[in-house]
Amino acid sequence: MFGKQETITLHVEGMSCGHCSARVKNALEELKSVKRAEVDLEKKEAVVTGKNLDAAELKNVVEEAGYQVI
């Protein structure tokens, strides 16, 4: 309707525990465009699903939470 559902995978550095991955997940899910974020601590990945996703905005939110997207 207002954009196609899409998925973006981010490689996140700096996460060392479950609290870190939860912090990244929560930060991403606060964005209006994000429907769901799944964060895998071992793979150092965040898989974000939503509509009209902006990769730069996702990166900024993760970095504001204290982690690095590479």
N, C-alpha and C. Protein backbone atom coordinates (compact mmCIF):
# COMPACT_ATOMS: atom_id res chain seq x y z
N MET A 1 0.82 -1.19 0.00
CA MET A 1 0.00 0.00 0.00
C MET A 1 0.87 1.26 0.00
N PHE A 2 1.66 1.48 1.06
CA PHE A 2 2.55 2.63 1.14
C PHE A 2 4.00 2.19 1.08
N GLY A 3 4.32 1.29 0.22
CA GLY A 3 5.68 0.80 0.12
C GLY A 3 5.72 -0.70 0.32
N LYS A 4 6.67 -1.29 -0.31
CA LYS A 4 6.82 -2.74 -0.27
C LYS A 4 7.62 -3.16 0.97
N GLN A 5 7.22 -4.27 1.55
CA GLN A 5 7.95 -4.82 2.70
C GLN A 5 9.35 -5.22 2.22
N GLU A 6 10.36 -4.85 2.98
CA GLU A 6 11.73 -5.17 2.61
C GLU A 6 12.53 -5.58 3.83
N THR A 7 13.69 -6.16 3.57
CA THR A 7 14.58 -6.60 4.65
C THR A 7 15.98 -6.07 4.39
N ILE A 8 16.60 -5.54 5.43
CA ILE A 8 17.98 -5.07 5.37
C ILE A 8 18.75 -5.76 6.48
N THR A 9 19.93 -6.27 6.13
CA THR A 9 20.81 -6.91 7.12
C THR A 9 21.98 -5.98 7.39
N LEU A 10 22.21 -5.71 8.69
CA LEU A 10 23.32 -4.86 9.11
C LEU A 10 24.35 -5.71 9.85
N HIS A 11 25.62 -5.45 9.62
CA HIS A 11 26.68 -6.11 10.38
C HIS A 11 27.05 -5.17 11.53
N VAL A 12 26.81 -5.63 12.76
CA VAL A 12 26.97 -4.78 13.94
C VAL A 12 28.16 -5.24 14.77
N GLU A 13 29.10 -4.35 15.01
CA GLU A 13 30.26 -4.63 15.85
C GLU A 13 30.08 -3.99 17.22
N GLY A 14 30.66 -4.63 18.23
CA GLY A 14 30.67 -4.06 19.57
C GLY A 14 29.69 -4.71 20.53
N MET A 15 28.85 -5.61 20.05
CA MET A 15 27.92 -6.31 20.94
C MET A 15 28.68 -7.45 21.62
N SER A 16 28.52 -7.57 22.94
CA SER A 16 29.24 -8.62 23.66
C SER A 16 28.35 -9.49 24.54
N CYS A 17 27.05 -9.14 24.63
CA CYS A 17 26.16 -9.91 25.50
C CYS A 17 24.71 -9.76 25.05
N GLY A 18 23.84 -10.48 25.71
CA GLY A 18 22.42 -10.42 25.38
C GLY A 18 21.83 -9.04 25.58
N HIS A 19 22.33 -8.33 26.58
CA HIS A 19 21.85 -6.97 26.82
C HIS A 19 22.17 -6.07 25.63
N CYS A 20 23.36 -6.26 25.06
CA CYS A 20 23.77 -5.46 23.90
C CYS A 20 22.83 -5.71 22.72
N SER A 21 22.57 -6.98 22.43
CA SER A 21 21.71 -7.29 21.29
C SER A 21 20.28 -6.79 21.53
N ALA A 22 19.81 -6.85 22.76
CA ALA A 22 18.48 -6.34 23.09
C ALA A 22 18.42 -4.82 22.91
N ARG A 23 19.50 -4.15 23.25
CA ARG A 23 19.55 -2.70 23.10
C ARG A 23 19.48 -2.30 21.62
N VAL A 24 20.21 -3.05 20.78
CA VAL A 24 20.17 -2.79 19.34
C VAL A 24 18.77 -3.06 18.80
N LYS A 25 18.18 -4.18 19.18
CA LYS A 25 16.84 -4.55 18.73
C LYS A 25 15.83 -3.47 19.11
N ASN A 26 15.85 -3.05 20.35
CA ASN A 26 14.90 -2.04 20.82
C ASN A 26 15.08 -0.71 20.10
N ALA A 27 16.33 -0.31 19.88
CA ALA A 27 16.60 0.95 19.19
C ALA A 27 16.04 0.91 17.78
N LEU A 28 16.25 -0.20 17.08
CA LEU A 28 15.75 -0.32 15.71
C LEU A 28 14.22 -0.36 15.67
N GLU A 29 13.62 -1.08 16.61
CA GLU A 29 12.17 -1.22 16.59
C GLU A 29 11.43 0.04 17.01
N GLU A 30 12.14 1.02 17.54
CA GLU A 30 11.52 2.31 17.85
C GLU A 30 11.24 3.13 16.59
N LEU A 31 11.92 2.79 15.49
CA LEU A 31 11.70 3.50 14.24
C LEU A 31 10.34 3.13 13.66
N LYS A 32 9.64 4.12 13.16
CA LYS A 32 8.30 3.91 12.60
C LYS A 32 8.30 2.96 11.41
N SER A 33 9.35 3.00 10.60
CA SER A 33 9.41 2.18 9.39
C SER A 33 9.74 0.71 9.66
N VAL A 34 10.20 0.40 10.88
CA VAL A 34 10.62 -0.96 11.22
C VAL A 34 9.46 -1.75 11.81
N LYS A 35 9.16 -2.87 11.17
CA LYS A 35 8.13 -3.77 11.69
C LYS A 35 8.74 -4.74 12.69
N ARG A 36 9.95 -5.24 12.36
CA ARG A 36 10.60 -6.22 13.22
C ARG A 36 12.11 -6.16 13.03
N ALA A 37 12.83 -6.37 14.13
CA ALA A 37 14.29 -6.47 14.08
C ALA A 37 14.71 -7.71 14.84
N GLU A 38 15.51 -8.53 14.21
CA GLU A 38 16.06 -9.73 14.84
C GLU A 38 17.57 -9.54 14.92
N VAL A 39 18.13 -9.64 16.11
CA VAL A 39 19.56 -9.41 16.30
C VAL A 39 20.21 -10.71 16.76
N ASP A 40 21.25 -11.12 16.04
CA ASP A 40 21.99 -12.34 16.35
C ASP A 40 23.36 -11.95 16.87
N LEU A 41 23.58 -12.19 18.15
CA LEU A 41 24.83 -11.82 18.81
C LEU A 41 26.02 -12.56 18.20
N GLU A 42 25.89 -13.85 17.97
CA GLU A 42 27.00 -14.65 17.44
C GLU A 42 27.38 -14.25 16.03
N LYS A 43 26.39 -14.00 15.19
CA LYS A 43 26.66 -13.61 13.80
C LYS A 43 26.99 -12.12 13.67
N LYS A 44 26.73 -11.37 14.75
CA LYS A 44 26.93 -9.92 14.75
C LYS A 44 26.08 -9.26 13.66
N GLU A 45 24.82 -9.70 13.58
CA GLU A 45 23.92 -9.20 12.55
C GLU A 45 22.60 -8.72 13.14
N ALA A 46 22.05 -7.73 12.47
CA ALA A 46 20.69 -7.28 12.75
C ALA A 46 19.93 -7.37 11.44
N VAL A 47 18.86 -8.16 11.42
CA VAL A 47 18.02 -8.30 10.24
C VAL A 47 16.75 -7.50 10.51
N VAL A 48 16.56 -6.47 9.71
CA VAL A 48 15.48 -5.52 9.92
C VAL A 48 14.45 -5.65 8.80
N THR A 49 13.18 -5.78 9.18
CA THR A 49 12.09 -5.89 8.23
C THR A 49 11.13 -4.73 8.43
N GLY A 50 10.68 -4.15 7.34
CA GLY A 50 9.74 -3.05 7.42
C GLY A 50 9.44 -2.49 6.05
N LYS A 51 8.84 -1.33 6.04
CA LYS A 51 8.50 -0.65 4.79
C LYS A 51 9.24 0.67 4.72
N ASN A 52 9.70 0.99 3.52
CA ASN A 52 10.42 2.25 3.28
C ASN A 52 11.62 2.41 4.21
N LEU A 53 12.37 1.32 4.39
CA LEU A 53 13.54 1.35 5.26
C LEU A 53 14.63 2.22 4.64
N ASP A 54 15.33 2.94 5.49
CA ASP A 54 16.44 3.80 5.08
C ASP A 54 17.69 3.26 5.77
N ALA A 55 18.60 2.67 5.00
CA ALA A 55 19.80 2.05 5.57
C ALA A 55 20.61 3.04 6.40
N ALA A 56 20.71 4.27 5.95
CA ALA A 56 21.47 5.28 6.69
C ALA A 56 20.81 5.57 8.04
N GLU A 57 19.49 5.63 8.06
CA GLU A 57 18.77 5.86 9.31
C GLU A 57 18.97 4.69 10.28
N LEU A 58 18.91 3.47 9.75
CA LEU A 58 19.13 2.29 10.60
C LEU A 58 20.53 2.33 11.20
N LYS A 59 21.52 2.65 10.37
CA LYS A 59 22.91 2.73 10.82
C LYS A 59 23.05 3.78 11.92
N ASN A 60 22.45 4.94 11.73
CA ASN A 60 22.55 6.01 12.72
C ASN A 60 21.96 5.59 14.06
N VAL A 61 20.82 4.91 14.03
CA VAL A 61 20.16 4.49 15.27
C VAL A 61 21.03 3.50 16.03
N VAL A 62 21.63 2.55 15.31
CA VAL A 62 22.50 1.57 15.95
C VAL A 62 23.73 2.26 16.53
N GLU A 63 24.30 3.19 15.80
CA GLU A 63 25.49 3.90 16.28
C GLU A 63 25.15 4.81 17.46
N GLU A 64 23.96 5.40 17.48
CA GLU A 64 23.54 6.21 18.63
C GLU A 64 23.37 5.34 19.87
N ALA A 65 23.06 4.05 19.66
CA ALA A 65 22.93 3.11 20.79
C ALA A 65 24.30 2.66 21.30
N GLY A 66 25.37 3.02 20.59
CA GLY A 66 26.72 2.74 21.07
C GLY A 66 27.44 1.62 20.34
N TYR A 67 26.96 1.23 19.17
CA TYR A 67 27.57 0.13 18.43
C TYR A 67 27.96 0.61 17.04
N GLN A 68 28.76 -0.18 16.34
CA GLN A 68 29.26 0.22 15.03
C GLN A 68 28.66 -0.67 13.95
N VAL A 69 28.22 -0.05 12.87
CA VAL A 69 27.72 -0.79 11.71
C VAL A 69 28.79 -0.72 10.64
N ILE A 70 29.22 -1.91 10.17
CA ILE A 70 30.25 -1.92 9.12
C ILE A 70 29.75 -2.70 7.91
